[in-house]
């Protein structure tokens, strides 16, 4: 698979997660420790990450696991498992 094809596949997967969230409305906020626990249960997790913040930088993370979308935020970048497929997004919008 070429890098362009891999990029398109990764973007399609990220879009699928976003569409699944819109369709189901299930979005679960967890602390970073719980997010790491979820990632540890997965083989080659697909994680969407974006940097945000107005006054202080924050890192937002999103992953789909067993039909639910889990998200967390951190003041520092998270350590992710080496087999993680990371999608760098411009923005992740989370409802309040």
PDB file of N, CA and C in Angstrom:
ATOM      1  N   UNK A   1       0.850  -1.163   0.000  1.00  0.00           N
ATOM      2  CA  UNK A   1       0.000   0.000   0.000  1.00  0.00           C
ATOM      3  C   UNK A   1       0.901   1.234   0.000  1.00  0.00           C
ATOM      4  N   UNK A   2       0.628   2.175  -0.874  1.00  0.00           N
ATOM      5  CA  UNK A   2       1.416   3.398  -0.930  1.00  0.00           C
ATOM      6  C   UNK A   2       1.060   4.291   0.248  1.00  0.00           C
ATOM      7  N   UNK A   3       1.925   5.268   0.502  1.00  0.00           N
ATOM      8  CA  UNK A   3       1.640   6.170   1.624  1.00  0.00           C
ATOM      9  C   UNK A   3       0.383   6.991   1.362  1.00  0.00           C
ATOM     10  N   UNK A   4       0.130   7.321   0.090  1.00  0.00           N
ATOM     11  CA  UNK A   4      -1.091   8.053  -0.247  1.00  0.00           C
ATOM     12  C   UNK A   4      -2.319   7.198   0.030  1.00  0.00           C
ATOM     13  N   UNK A   5      -2.262   5.937  -0.358  1.00  0.00           N
ATOM     14  CA  UNK A   5      -3.386   5.030  -0.109  1.00  0.00           C
ATOM     15  C   UNK A   5      -3.589   4.835   1.390  1.00  0.00           C
ATOM     16  N   UNK A   6      -2.497   4.723   2.133  1.00  0.00           N
ATOM     17  CA  UNK A   6      -2.593   4.558   3.583  1.00  0.00           C
ATOM     18  C   UNK A   6      -3.209   5.798   4.225  1.00  0.00           C
ATOM     19  N   UNK A   7      -2.826   6.967   3.719  1.00  0.00           N
ATOM     20  CA  UNK A   7      -3.393   8.211   4.240  1.00  0.00           C
ATOM     21  C   UNK A   7      -4.888   8.279   3.975  1.00  0.00           C
ATOM     22  N   UNK A   8      -5.293   7.915   2.753  1.00  0.00           N
ATOM     23  CA  UNK A   8      -6.718   7.916   2.421  1.00  0.00           C
ATOM     24  C   UNK A   8      -7.484   6.910   3.282  1.00  0.00           C
ATOM     25  N   UNK A   9      -6.887   5.748   3.518  1.00  0.00           N
ATOM     26  CA  UNK A   9      -7.537   4.739   4.356  1.00  0.00           C
ATOM     27  C   UNK A   9      -7.681   5.246   5.789  1.00  0.00           C
ATOM     28  N   UNK A  10      -6.641   5.902   6.293  1.00  0.00           N
ATOM     29  CA  UNK A  10      -6.687   6.437   7.651  1.00  0.00           C
ATOM     30  C   UNK A  10      -7.734   7.541   7.769  1.00  0.00           C
ATOM     31  N   UNK A  11      -7.803   8.402   6.761  1.00  0.00           N
ATOM     32  CA  UNK A  11      -8.808   9.464   6.782  1.00  0.00           C
ATOM     33  C   UNK A  11     -10.221   8.892   6.709  1.00  0.00           C
ATOM     34  N   UNK A  12     -10.388   7.844   5.918  1.00  0.00           N
ATOM     35  CA  UNK A  12     -11.695   7.192   5.828  1.00  0.00           C
ATOM     36  C   UNK A  12     -12.083   6.587   7.175  1.00  0.00           C
ATOM     37  N   UNK A  13     -11.106   5.997   7.864  1.00  0.00           N
ATOM     38  CA  UNK A  13     -11.383   5.417   9.175  1.00  0.00           C
ATOM     39  C   UNK A  13     -11.761   6.505  10.178  1.00  0.00           C
ATOM     40  N   UNK A  14     -11.060   7.633  10.141  1.00  0.00           N
ATOM     41  CA  UNK A  14     -11.383   8.742  11.042  1.00  0.00           C
ATOM     42  C   UNK A  14     -12.782   9.282  10.749  1.00  0.00           C
ATOM     43  N   UNK A  15     -13.129   9.369   9.467  1.00  0.00           N
ATOM     44  CA  UNK A  15     -14.469   9.824   9.087  1.00  0.00           C
ATOM     45  C   UNK A  15     -15.526   8.837   9.565  1.00  0.00           C
ATOM     46  N   UNK A  16     -15.201   7.550   9.508  1.00  0.00           N
ATOM     47  CA  UNK A  16     -16.144   6.533   9.976  1.00  0.00           C
ATOM     48  C   UNK A  16     -16.405   6.689  11.471  1.00  0.00           C
ATOM     49  N   UNK A  17     -15.360   6.976  12.249  1.00  0.00           N
ATOM     50  CA  UNK A  17     -15.536   7.205  13.685  1.00  0.00           C
ATOM     51  C   UNK A  17     -16.427   8.425  13.903  1.00  0.00           C
ATOM     52  N   UNK A  18     -16.137   9.503  13.182  1.00  0.00           N
ATOM     53  CA  UNK A  18     -16.930  10.726  13.331  1.00  0.00           C
ATOM     54  C   UNK A  18     -18.390  10.483  12.961  1.00  0.00           C
ATOM     55  N   UNK A  19     -18.628   9.750  11.879  1.00  0.00           N
ATOM     56  CA  UNK A  19     -20.000   9.445  11.467  1.00  0.00           C
ATOM     57  C   UNK A  19     -20.699   8.552  12.477  1.00  0.00           C
ATOM     58  N   UNK A  20     -19.960   7.616  13.057  1.00  0.00           N
ATOM     59  CA  UNK A  20     -20.543   6.732  14.066  1.00  0.00           C
ATOM     60  C   UNK A  20     -20.966   7.536  15.292  1.00  0.00           C
ATOM     61  N   UNK A  21     -20.156   8.518  15.658  1.00  0.00           N
ATOM     62  CA  UNK A  21     -20.497   9.360  16.803  1.00  0.00           C
ATOM     63  C   UNK A  21     -21.758  10.159  16.502  1.00  0.00           C
ATOM     64  N   UNK A  22     -21.828  10.730  15.307  1.00  0.00           N
ATOM     65  CA  UNK A  22     -23.018  11.495  14.927  1.00  0.00           C
ATOM     66  C   UNK A  22     -24.256  10.610  14.940  1.00  0.00           C
ATOM     67  N   UNK A  23     -24.117   9.388  14.445  1.00  0.00           N
ATOM     68  CA  UNK A  23     -25.259   8.483  14.334  1.00  0.00           C
ATOM     69  C   UNK A  23     -25.722   7.999  15.703  1.00  0.00           C
ATOM     70  N   UNK A  24     -24.780   7.648  16.551  1.00  0.00           N
ATOM     71  CA  UNK A  24     -25.157   7.053  17.827  1.00  0.00           C
ATOM     72  C   UNK A  24     -25.259   8.065  18.952  1.00  0.00           C
ATOM     73  N   UNK A  25     -24.489   9.128  18.860  1.00  0.00           N
ATOM     74  CA  UNK A  25     -24.491  10.122  19.915  1.00  0.00           C
ATOM     75  C   UNK A  25     -23.797   9.658  21.179  1.00  0.00           C
ATOM     76  N   UNK A  26     -23.101   8.535  21.126  1.00  0.00           N
ATOM     77  CA  UNK A  26     -22.448   7.987  22.306  1.00  0.00           C
ATOM     78  C   UNK A  26     -21.000   8.434  22.355  1.00  0.00           C
ATOM     79  N   UNK A  27     -20.720   9.304  23.286  1.00  0.00           N
ATOM     80  CA  UNK A  27     -19.378   9.835  23.463  1.00  0.00           C
ATOM     81  C   UNK A  27     -19.084   9.793  24.954  1.00  0.00           C
ATOM     82  N   UNK A  28     -18.025   9.096  25.339  1.00  0.00           N
ATOM     83  CA  UNK A  28     -17.726   8.870  26.749  1.00  0.00           C
ATOM     84  C   UNK A  28     -16.419   9.568  27.106  1.00  0.00           C
ATOM     85  N   UNK A  29     -16.481  10.487  28.072  1.00  0.00           N
ATOM     86  CA  UNK A  29     -15.261  11.146  28.548  1.00  0.00           C
ATOM     87  C   UNK A  29     -14.647  10.289  29.647  1.00  0.00           C
ATOM     88  N   UNK A  30     -13.348  10.028  29.534  1.00  0.00           N
ATOM     89  CA  UNK A  30     -12.626   9.265  30.552  1.00  0.00           C
ATOM     90  C   UNK A  30     -11.345  10.013  30.911  1.00  0.00           C
ATOM     91  N   UNK A  31     -10.827   9.717  32.081  1.00  0.00           N
ATOM     92  CA  UNK A  31      -9.534  10.268  32.481  1.00  0.00           C
ATOM     93  C   UNK A  31      -8.433   9.584  31.668  1.00  0.00           C
ATOM     94  N   UNK A  32      -7.257  10.177  31.643  1.00  0.00           N
ATOM     95  CA  UNK A  32      -6.176   9.643  30.802  1.00  0.00           C
ATOM     96  C   UNK A  32      -5.780   8.222  31.196  1.00  0.00           C
ATOM     97  N   UNK A  33      -5.847   7.895  32.473  1.00  0.00           N
ATOM     98  CA  UNK A  33      -5.489   6.539  32.906  1.00  0.00           C
ATOM     99  C   UNK A  33      -6.448   5.516  32.302  1.00  0.00           C
ATOM    100  N   UNK A  34      -7.737   5.832  32.312  1.00  0.00           N
ATOM    101  CA  UNK A  34      -8.732   4.933  31.725  1.00  0.00           C
ATOM    102  C   UNK A  34      -8.551   4.843  30.215  1.00  0.00           C
ATOM    103  N   UNK A  35      -8.184   5.951  29.577  1.00  0.00           N
ATOM    104  CA  UNK A  35      -7.933   5.954  28.135  1.00  0.00           C
ATOM    105  C   UNK A  35      -6.780   5.007  27.811  1.00  0.00           C
ATOM    106  N   UNK A  36      -5.714   5.058  28.613  1.00  0.00           N
ATOM    107  CA  UNK A  36      -4.587   4.141  28.420  1.00  0.00           C
ATOM    108  C   UNK A  36      -5.015   2.685  28.612  1.00  0.00           C
ATOM    109  N   UNK A  37      -5.882   2.428  29.580  1.00  0.00           N
ATOM    110  CA  UNK A  37      -6.379   1.071  29.817  1.00  0.00           C
ATOM    111  C   UNK A  37      -7.149   0.557  28.609  1.00  0.00           C
ATOM    112  N   UNK A  38      -7.977   1.416  28.022  1.00  0.00           N
ATOM    113  CA  UNK A  38      -8.734   1.034  26.826  1.00  0.00           C
ATOM    114  C   UNK A  38      -7.780   0.725  25.679  1.00  0.00           C
ATOM    115  N   UNK A  39      -6.784   1.583  25.459  1.00  0.00           N
ATOM    116  CA  UNK A  39      -5.823   1.356  24.374  1.00  0.00           C
ATOM    117  C   UNK A  39      -5.072   0.044  24.562  1.00  0.00           C
ATOM    118  N   UNK A  40      -4.760  -0.293  25.814  1.00  0.00           N
ATOM    119  CA  UNK A  40      -4.019  -1.525  26.093  1.00  0.00           C
ATOM    120  C   UNK A  40      -4.823  -2.769  25.735  1.00  0.00           C
ATOM    121  N   UNK A  41      -6.143  -2.663  25.697  1.00  0.00           N
ATOM    122  CA  UNK A  41      -7.005  -3.798  25.361  1.00  0.00           C
ATOM    123  C   UNK A  41      -7.130  -4.003  23.855  1.00  0.00           C
ATOM    124  N   UNK A  42      -6.637  -3.040  23.074  1.00  0.00           N
ATOM    125  CA  UNK A  42      -6.835  -3.069  21.630  1.00  0.00           C
ATOM    126  C   UNK A  42      -5.548  -3.434  20.897  1.00  0.00           C
ATOM    127  N   UNK A  43      -5.729  -4.108  19.767  1.00  0.00           N
ATOM    128  CA  UNK A  43      -4.602  -4.387  18.885  1.00  0.00           C
ATOM    129  C   UNK A  43      -4.611  -3.312  17.805  1.00  0.00           C
ATOM    130  N   UNK A  44      -3.527  -2.584  17.660  1.00  0.00           N
ATOM    131  CA  UNK A  44      -3.377  -1.513  16.672  1.00  0.00           C
ATOM    132  C   UNK A  44      -4.536  -0.514  16.724  1.00  0.00           C
ATOM    133  N   UNK A  45      -4.701   0.180  17.860  1.00  0.00           N
ATOM    134  CA  UNK A  45      -5.811   1.128  17.969  1.00  0.00           C
ATOM    135  C   UNK A  45      -5.660   2.308  17.010  1.00  0.00           C
ATOM    136  N   UNK A  46      -6.791   2.803  16.534  1.00  0.00           N
ATOM    137  CA  UNK A  46      -6.830   3.998  15.695  1.00  0.00           C
ATOM    138  C   UNK A  46      -7.234   5.157  16.597  1.00  0.00           C
ATOM    139  N   UNK A  47      -6.325   6.096  16.790  1.00  0.00           N
ATOM    140  CA  UNK A  47      -6.551   7.230  17.680  1.00  0.00           C
ATOM    141  C   UNK A  47      -6.524   8.515  16.864  1.00  0.00           C
ATOM    142  N   UNK A  48      -7.525   9.361  17.081  1.00  0.00           N
ATOM    143  CA  UNK A  48      -7.553  10.686  16.470  1.00  0.00           C
ATOM    144  C   UNK A  48      -7.102  11.671  17.541  1.00  0.00           C
ATOM    145  N   UNK A  49      -6.149  12.548  17.192  1.00  0.00           N
ATOM    146  CA  UNK A  49      -5.591  13.494  18.151  1.00  0.00           C
ATOM    147  C   UNK A  49      -5.580  14.888  17.547  1.00  0.00           C
ATOM    148  N   UNK A  50      -5.878  15.881  18.378  1.00  0.00           N
ATOM    149  CA  UNK A  50      -5.806  17.280  17.954  1.00  0.00           C
ATOM    150  C   UNK A  50      -5.272  18.117  19.106  1.00  0.00           C
ATOM    151  N   UNK A  51      -4.569  19.172  18.749  1.00  0.00           N
ATOM    152  CA  UNK A  51      -4.107  20.133  19.746  1.00  0.00           C
ATOM    153  C   UNK A  51      -5.104  21.277  19.784  1.00  0.00           C
ATOM    154  N   UNK A  52      -5.379  21.772  20.971  1.00  0.00           N
ATOM    155  CA  UNK A  52      -6.327  22.864  21.110  1.00  0.00           C
ATOM    156  C   UNK A  52      -5.958  23.752  22.272  1.00  0.00           C
ATOM    157  N   UNK A  53      -6.876  24.601  22.623  1.00  0.00           N
ATOM    158  CA  UNK A  53      -6.677  25.496  23.752  1.00  0.00           C
ATOM    159  C   UNK A  53      -6.436  26.924  23.313  1.00  0.00           C
ATOM    160  N   UNK A  54      -6.987  27.852  24.082  1.00  0.00           N
ATOM    161  CA  UNK A  54      -6.803  29.267  23.793  1.00  0.00           C
ATOM    162  C   UNK A  54      -5.711  29.840  24.687  1.00  0.00           C
ATOM    163  N   UNK A  55      -5.837  29.645  25.983  1.00  0.00           N
ATOM    164  CA  UNK A  55      -4.874  30.201  26.923  1.00  0.00           C
ATOM    165  C   UNK A  55      -3.799  29.198  27.317  1.00  0.00           C
ATOM    166  N   UNK A  56      -4.132  27.932  27.276  1.00  0.00           N
ATOM    167  CA  UNK A  56      -3.175  26.872  27.596  1.00  0.00           C
ATOM    168  C   UNK A  56      -3.366  25.742  26.594  1.00  0.00           C
ATOM    169  N   UNK A  57      -2.259  25.189  26.129  1.00  0.00           N
ATOM    170  CA  UNK A  57      -2.341  24.107  25.148  1.00  0.00           C
ATOM    171  C   UNK A  57      -2.926  22.862  25.800  1.00  0.00           C
ATOM    172  N   UNK A  58      -3.783  22.172  25.046  1.00  0.00           N
ATOM    173  CA  UNK A  58      -4.314  20.892  25.512  1.00  0.00           C
ATOM    174  C   UNK A  58      -4.327  19.930  24.335  1.00  0.00           C
ATOM    175  N   UNK A  59      -4.271  18.670  24.647  1.00  0.00           N
ATOM    176  CA  UNK A  59      -4.255  17.615  23.646  1.00  0.00           C
ATOM    177  C   UNK A  59      -5.524  16.795  23.809  1.00  0.00           C
ATOM    178  N   UNK A  60      -6.267  16.645  22.722  1.00  0.00           N
ATOM    179  CA  UNK A  60      -7.525  15.903  22.732  1.00  0.00           C
ATOM    180  C   UNK A  60      -7.333  14.591  21.990  1.00  0.00           C
ATOM    181  N   UNK A  61      -7.875  13.513  22.537  1.00  0.00           N
ATOM    182  CA  UNK A  61      -7.731  12.179  21.960  1.00  0.00           C
ATOM    183  C   UNK A  61      -9.092  11.511  21.868  1.00  0.00           C
ATOM    184  N   UNK A  62      -9.277  10.722  20.811  1.00  0.00           N
ATOM    185  CA  UNK A  62     -10.532  10.024  20.560  1.00  0.00           C
ATOM    186  C   UNK A  62     -10.229   8.638  20.019  1.00  0.00           C
ATOM    187  N   UNK A  63     -10.920   7.619  20.553  1.00  0.00           N
ATOM    188  CA  UNK A  63     -10.765   6.248  20.063  1.00  0.00           C
ATOM    189  C   UNK A  63     -12.121   5.546  20.153  1.00  0.00           C
ATOM    190  N   UNK A  64     -12.372   4.644  19.238  1.00  0.00           N
ATOM    191  CA  UNK A  64     -13.595   3.852  19.250  1.00  0.00           C
ATOM    192  C   UNK A  64     -13.265   2.463  19.787  1.00  0.00           C
ATOM    193  N   UNK A  65     -14.072   1.998  20.747  1.00  0.00           N
ATOM    194  CA  UNK A  65     -13.849   0.681  21.341  1.00  0.00           C
ATOM    195  C   UNK A  65     -15.199   0.054  21.662  1.00  0.00           C
ATOM    196  N   UNK A  66     -15.455  -1.108  21.078  1.00  0.00           N
ATOM    197  CA  UNK A  66     -16.686  -1.875  21.298  1.00  0.00           C
ATOM    198  C   UNK A  66     -17.946  -1.032  21.091  1.00  0.00           C
ATOM    199  N   UNK A  67     -17.926  -0.225  20.053  1.00  0.00           N
ATOM    200  CA  UNK A  67     -19.103   0.542  19.689  1.00  0.00           C
ATOM    201  C   UNK A  67     -19.282   1.868  20.407  1.00  0.00           C
ATOM    202  N   UNK A  68     -18.387   2.194  21.312  1.00  0.00           N
ATOM    203  CA  UNK A  68     -18.454   3.471  22.012  1.00  0.00           C
ATOM    204  C   UNK A  68     -17.247   4.315  21.623  1.00  0.00           C
ATOM    205  N   UNK A  69     -17.415   5.615  21.629  1.00  0.00           N
ATOM    206  CA  UNK A  69     -16.309   6.529  21.341  1.00  0.00           C
ATOM    207  C   UNK A  69     -15.839   7.130  22.661  1.00  0.00           C
ATOM    208  N   UNK A  70     -14.580   6.914  22.983  1.00  0.00           N
ATOM    209  CA  UNK A  70     -13.999   7.414  24.224  1.00  0.00           C
ATOM    210  C   UNK A  70     -13.078   8.579  23.901  1.00  0.00           C
ATOM    211  N   UNK A  71     -13.133   9.609  24.740  1.00  0.00           N
ATOM    212  CA  UNK A  71     -12.228  10.734  24.536  1.00  0.00           C
ATOM    213  C   UNK A  71     -11.651  11.185  25.860  1.00  0.00           C
ATOM    214  N   UNK A  72     -10.483  11.795  25.761  1.00  0.00           N
ATOM    215  CA  UNK A  72      -9.828  12.363  26.923  1.00  0.00           C
ATOM    216  C   UNK A  72      -9.066  13.589  26.483  1.00  0.00           C
ATOM    217  N   UNK A  73      -8.657  14.389  27.451  1.00  0.00           N
ATOM    218  CA  UNK A  73      -7.798  15.526  27.144  1.00  0.00           C
ATOM    219  C   UNK A  73      -6.702  15.593  28.189  1.00  0.00           C
ATOM    220  N   UNK A  74      -5.579  16.173  27.773  1.00  0.00           N
ATOM    221  CA  UNK A  74      -4.411  16.211  28.627  1.00  0.00           C
ATOM    222  C   UNK A  74      -3.639  17.506  28.377  1.00  0.00           C
ATOM    223  N   UNK A  75      -2.956  17.986  29.394  1.00  0.00           N
ATOM    224  CA  UNK A  75      -2.117  19.178  29.243  1.00  0.00           C
ATOM    225  C   UNK A  75      -0.812  18.852  28.532  1.00  0.00           C
ATOM    226  N   UNK A  76      -0.449  17.580  28.517  1.00  0.00           N
ATOM    227  CA  UNK A  76       0.777  17.136  27.846  1.00  0.00           C
ATOM    228  C   UNK A  76       0.436  16.003  26.881  1.00  0.00           C
ATOM    229  N   UNK A  77       1.267  15.788  25.868  1.00  0.00           N
ATOM    230  CA  UNK A  77       0.994  14.680  24.941  1.00  0.00           C
ATOM    231  C   UNK A  77       1.001  13.340  25.680  1.00  0.00           C
ATOM    232  N   UNK A  78       0.097  12.447  25.290  1.00  0.00           N
ATOM    233  CA  UNK A  78       0.036  11.119  25.895  1.00  0.00           C
ATOM    234  C   UNK A  78       1.025  10.185  25.221  1.00  0.00           C
ATOM    235  N   UNK A  79       1.553   9.261  25.994  1.00  0.00           N
ATOM    236  CA  UNK A  79       2.338   8.173  25.425  1.00  0.00           C
ATOM    237  C   UNK A  79       1.335   7.181  24.852  1.00  0.00           C
ATOM    238  N   UNK A  80       1.512   6.826  23.588  1.00  0.00           N
ATOM    239  CA  UNK A  80       0.613   5.876  22.933  1.00  0.00           C
ATOM    240  C   UNK A  80       1.377   4.599  22.613  1.00  0.00           C
ATOM    241  N   UNK A  81       0.699   3.441  22.638  1.00  0.00           N
ATOM    242  CA  UNK A  81       1.369   2.187  22.293  1.00  0.00           C
ATOM    243  C   UNK A  81       2.013   2.274  20.906  1.00  0.00           C
ATOM    244  N   UNK A  82       3.091   1.540  20.715  1.00  0.00           N
ATOM    245  CA  UNK A  82       3.848   1.617  19.457  1.00  0.00           C
ATOM    246  C   UNK A  82       3.040   1.183  18.245  1.00  0.00           C
ATOM    247  N   UNK A  83       2.013   0.352  18.433  1.00  0.00           N
ATOM    248  CA  UNK A  83       1.211  -0.108  17.289  1.00  0.00           C
ATOM    249  C   UNK A  83       0.008   0.798  17.005  1.00  0.00           C
ATOM    250  N   UNK A  84      -0.055   1.956  17.666  1.00  0.00           N
ATOM    251  CA  UNK A  84      -1.164   2.889  17.466  1.00  0.00           C
ATOM    252  C   UNK A  84      -1.086   3.536  16.092  1.00  0.00           C
ATOM    253  N   UNK A  85      -2.223   3.584  15.413  1.00  0.00           N
ATOM    254  CA  UNK A  85      -2.333   4.349  14.170  1.00  0.00           C
ATOM    255  C   UNK A  85      -2.903   5.702  14.578  1.00  0.00           C
ATOM    256  N   UNK A  86      -2.107   6.753  14.416  1.00  0.00           N
ATOM    257  CA  UNK A  86      -2.481   8.077  14.892  1.00  0.00           C
ATOM    258  C   UNK A  86      -2.914   8.963  13.733  1.00  0.00           C
ATOM    259  N   UNK A  87      -4.099   9.528  13.859  1.00  0.00           N
ATOM    260  CA  UNK A  87      -4.619  10.483  12.888  1.00  0.00           C
ATOM    261  C   UNK A  87      -4.511  11.861  13.526  1.00  0.00           C
ATOM    262  N   UNK A  88      -3.760  12.736  12.897  1.00  0.00           N
ATOM    263  CA  UNK A  88      -3.607  14.104  13.383  1.00  0.00           C
ATOM    264  C   UNK A  88      -4.729  14.951  12.788  1.00  0.00           C
ATOM    265  N   UNK A  89      -5.619  15.433  13.625  1.00  0.00           N
ATOM    266  CA  UNK A  89      -6.746  16.246  13.169  1.00  0.00           C
ATOM    267  C   UNK A  89      -6.474  17.718  13.464  1.00  0.00           C
ATOM    268  N   UNK A  90      -7.084  18.587  12.680  1.00  0.00           N
ATOM    269  CA  UNK A  90      -6.967  20.017  12.960  1.00  0.00           C
ATOM    270  C   UNK A  90      -7.737  20.371  14.225  1.00  0.00           C
ATOM    271  N   UNK A  91      -8.890  19.721  14.396  1.00  0.00           N
ATOM    272  CA  UNK A  91      -9.748  20.051  15.525  1.00  0.00           C
ATOM    273  C   UNK A  91     -10.641  18.859  15.845  1.00  0.00           C
ATOM    274  N   UNK A  92     -10.886  18.652  17.125  1.00  0.00           N
ATOM    275  CA  UNK A  92     -11.891  17.696  17.579  1.00  0.00           C
ATOM    276  C   UNK A  92     -12.873  18.504  18.412  1.00  0.00           C
ATOM    277  N   UNK A  93     -14.123  18.495  18.010  1.00  0.00           N
ATOM    278  CA  UNK A  93     -15.140  19.230  18.752  1.00  0.00           C
ATOM    279  C   UNK A  93     -15.842  18.267  19.686  1.00  0.00           C
ATOM    280  N   UNK A  94     -15.897  18.624  20.948  1.00  0.00           N
ATOM    281  CA  UNK A  94     -16.585  17.816  21.947  1.00  0.00           C
ATOM    282  C   UNK A  94     -17.720  18.638  22.544  1.00  0.00           C
ATOM    283  N   UNK A  95     -18.924  18.084  22.605  1.00  0.00           N
ATOM    284  CA  UNK A  95     -20.019  18.826  23.238  1.00  0.00           C
ATOM    285  C   UNK A  95     -19.773  18.968  24.735  1.00  0.00           C
ATOM    286  N   UNK A  96     -20.274  20.042  25.305  1.00  0.00           N
ATOM    287  CA  UNK A  96     -20.114  20.254  26.758  1.00  0.00           C
ATOM    288  C   UNK A  96     -21.135  19.464  27.531  1.00  0.00           C
TER     289      UNK A  96
END
